C-alpha cells in the first residue's frame, strides 16, 4: 500500500472493503455516508463483521488496532476508520 495516498483514496478503498466484508450487496461503496455508524443501526455490521474488517484493514494497510478502545474509536464510522488509517500511513512516511 502506498503510504503517500490521500485521505480520499484511503476512504474509497475502505468503503469498498466495508461493502465486501459486510456482504452489503445492496450498497455501492460510494453510498456509504462518512458519519454513518458501521455497527448495528448504521450499516448493520455485527461484531463478527467488524472483526473481519479489522483483519482486512490490518493486512491491507499494515495498521494494528491494538485494543478495544482503539477499535471503538476507529470503527465508529467510515470517517473515523479512514482518519485512523490515513494517519497511520502518513506516519509510515514520517509526514
C-alpha atoms as a PDB file:
ATOM      1  CA  UNK A   1       0.000   0.000   0.000  1.00  0.00           C
ATOM      2  CA  UNK A   2       1.339   3.406  -0.994  1.00  0.00           C
ATOM      3  CA  UNK A   3       1.851   5.437   2.215  1.00  0.00           C
ATOM      4  CA  UNK A   4       1.503   8.720   0.298  1.00  0.00           C
ATOM      5  CA  UNK A   5      -2.147   8.047  -0.616  1.00  0.00           C
ATOM      6  CA  UNK A   6      -4.515  10.881   0.115  1.00  0.00           C
ATOM      7  CA  UNK A   7      -7.438  10.639   2.505  1.00  0.00           C
ATOM      8  CA  UNK A   8      -9.970  10.386  -0.335  1.00  0.00           C
ATOM      9  CA  UNK A   9      -8.233   7.343  -1.844  1.00  0.00           C
ATOM     10  CA  UNK A  10      -7.989   5.671   1.553  1.00  0.00           C
ATOM     11  CA  UNK A  11     -11.692   6.368   2.170  1.00  0.00           C
ATOM     12  CA  UNK A  12     -12.647   4.846  -1.194  1.00  0.00           C
ATOM     13  CA  UNK A  13     -10.574   1.722  -0.504  1.00  0.00           C
ATOM     14  CA  UNK A  14     -12.127   1.336   2.933  1.00  0.00           C
ATOM     15  CA  UNK A  15     -15.692   1.800   1.666  1.00  0.00           C
ATOM     16  CA  UNK A  16     -15.097  -0.943  -0.919  1.00  0.00           C
ATOM     17  CA  UNK A  17     -13.712  -3.174   1.812  1.00  0.00           C
ATOM     18  CA  UNK A  18     -16.699  -2.494   4.083  1.00  0.00           C
ATOM     19  CA  UNK A  19     -19.150  -3.456   1.335  1.00  0.00           C
ATOM     20  CA  UNK A  20     -17.203  -6.638   0.592  1.00  0.00           C
ATOM     21  CA  UNK A  21     -16.614  -7.739   4.192  1.00  0.00           C
ATOM     22  CA  UNK A  22     -20.112  -6.806   5.345  1.00  0.00           C
ATOM     23  CA  UNK A  23     -21.687  -8.514   2.338  1.00  0.00           C
ATOM     24  CA  UNK A  24     -23.633  -5.317   1.685  1.00  0.00           C
ATOM     25  CA  UNK A  25     -24.683  -6.151  -1.878  1.00  0.00           C
ATOM     26  CA  UNK A  26     -27.495  -3.614  -1.740  1.00  0.00           C
ATOM     27  CA  UNK A  27     -24.956  -0.763  -1.394  1.00  0.00           C
ATOM     28  CA  UNK A  28     -22.360   0.714  -3.662  1.00  0.00           C
ATOM     29  CA  UNK A  29     -19.225   1.830  -1.794  1.00  0.00           C
ATOM     30  CA  UNK A  30     -19.892   5.482  -2.648  1.00  0.00           C
ATOM     31  CA  UNK A  31     -23.313   5.259  -0.957  1.00  0.00           C
ATOM     32  CA  UNK A  32     -21.775   4.809   2.484  1.00  0.00           C
ATOM     33  CA  UNK A  33     -22.101   8.083   4.342  1.00  0.00           C
ATOM     34  CA  UNK A  34     -18.923   9.206   6.082  1.00  0.00           C
ATOM     35  CA  UNK A  35     -20.510   9.518   9.520  1.00  0.00           C
ATOM     36  CA  UNK A  36     -22.921   6.596   9.264  1.00  0.00           C
ATOM     37  CA  UNK A  37     -22.223   4.165  12.112  1.00  0.00           C
ATOM     38  CA  UNK A  38     -20.721   0.896  10.916  1.00  0.00           C
ATOM     39  CA  UNK A  39     -22.188  -1.175  13.732  1.00  0.00           C
ATOM     40  CA  UNK A  40     -25.807  -2.257  14.214  1.00  0.00           C
ATOM     41  CA  UNK A  41     -28.271   0.531  13.397  1.00  0.00           C
ATOM     42  CA  UNK A  42     -25.924   2.176  10.923  1.00  0.00           C
ATOM     43  CA  UNK A  43     -24.726  -0.185   8.215  1.00  0.00           C
ATOM     44  CA  UNK A  44     -25.847  -3.181  10.235  1.00  0.00           C
ATOM     45  CA  UNK A  45     -22.451  -4.806  10.676  1.00  0.00           C
ATOM     46  CA  UNK A  46     -22.233  -7.173  13.619  1.00  0.00           C
ATOM     47  CA  UNK A  47     -19.250  -7.923  15.843  1.00  0.00           C
ATOM     48  CA  UNK A  48     -18.026 -10.736  13.567  1.00  0.00           C
ATOM     49  CA  UNK A  49     -18.174  -8.397  10.546  1.00  0.00           C
ATOM     50  CA  UNK A  50     -16.164  -5.805  12.470  1.00  0.00           C
ATOM     51  CA  UNK A  51     -13.571  -8.368  13.481  1.00  0.00           C
ATOM     52  CA  UNK A  52     -13.230  -9.479   9.869  1.00  0.00           C
ATOM     53  CA  UNK A  53     -12.977  -5.832   8.777  1.00  0.00           C
ATOM     54  CA  UNK A  54     -10.163  -5.236  11.276  1.00  0.00           C
ATOM     55  CA  UNK A  55      -8.254  -8.236   9.918  1.00  0.00           C
ATOM     56  CA  UNK A  56      -8.603  -6.992   6.325  1.00  0.00           C
ATOM     57  CA  UNK A  57      -7.655  -3.405   7.228  1.00  0.00           C
ATOM     58  CA  UNK A  58      -4.605  -4.590   9.164  1.00  0.00           C
ATOM     59  CA  UNK A  59      -3.457  -6.723   6.229  1.00  0.00           C
ATOM     60  CA  UNK A  60      -4.129  -4.162   3.520  1.00  0.00           C
ATOM     61  CA  UNK A  61      -2.766  -1.088   5.287  1.00  0.00           C
ATOM     62  CA  UNK A  62      -0.280  -2.555   7.766  1.00  0.00           C
ATOM     63  CA  UNK A  63      -2.274  -0.974  10.573  1.00  0.00           C
ATOM     64  CA  UNK A  64      -2.611  -2.588  14.001  1.00  0.00           C
ATOM     65  CA  UNK A  65      -5.676  -1.886  16.099  1.00  0.00           C
ATOM     66  CA  UNK A  66      -4.243  -2.866  19.445  1.00  0.00           C
ATOM     67  CA  UNK A  67      -7.166  -2.882  21.846  1.00  0.00           C
ATOM     68  CA  UNK A  68     -10.887  -2.414  22.320  1.00  0.00           C
ATOM     69  CA  UNK A  69     -10.564   1.324  22.969  1.00  0.00           C
ATOM     70  CA  UNK A  70      -8.715   1.889  19.678  1.00  0.00           C
ATOM     71  CA  UNK A  71     -11.232  -0.316  17.911  1.00  0.00           C
ATOM     72  CA  UNK A  72     -14.234   1.590  19.271  1.00  0.00           C
ATOM     73  CA  UNK A  73     -12.800   4.856  18.024  1.00  0.00           C
ATOM     74  CA  UNK A  74     -11.580   3.544  14.661  1.00  0.00           C
ATOM     75  CA  UNK A  75     -14.687   1.510  13.844  1.00  0.00           C
ATOM     76  CA  UNK A  76     -17.264   4.151  14.703  1.00  0.00           C
ATOM     77  CA  UNK A  77     -17.772   5.221  11.072  1.00  0.00           C
ATOM     78  CA  UNK A  78     -16.121   5.270   7.675  1.00  0.00           C
ATOM     79  CA  UNK A  79     -14.734   8.722   8.508  1.00  0.00           C
ATOM     80  CA  UNK A  80     -13.080   7.587  11.746  1.00  0.00           C
ATOM     81  CA  UNK A  81     -11.655   4.452  10.155  1.00  0.00           C
ATOM     82  CA  UNK A  82     -10.293   6.476   7.226  1.00  0.00           C
ATOM     83  CA  UNK A  83      -8.777   9.079   9.564  1.00  0.00           C
ATOM     84  CA  UNK A  84      -7.031   6.450  11.699  1.00  0.00           C
ATOM     85  CA  UNK A  85      -5.796   4.594   8.625  1.00  0.00           C
ATOM     86  CA  UNK A  86      -4.588   7.743   6.868  1.00  0.00           C
ATOM     87  CA  UNK A  87      -2.733   8.938   9.991  1.00  0.00           C
ATOM     88  CA  UNK A  88      -1.040   5.540  10.170  1.00  0.00           C
ATOM     89  CA  UNK A  89       0.004   5.746   6.519  1.00  0.00           C
ATOM     90  CA  UNK A  90       1.321   9.290   6.930  1.00  0.00           C
ATOM     91  CA  UNK A  91       3.267   8.190   9.991  1.00  0.00           C
ATOM     92  CA  UNK A  92       4.826   5.452   7.894  1.00  0.00           C
ATOM     93  CA  UNK A  93       6.368   8.148   5.681  1.00  0.00           C
ATOM     94  CA  UNK A  94       7.281  10.495   8.512  1.00  0.00           C
ATOM     95  CA  UNK A  95       4.868  13.106   7.090  1.00  0.00           C
END
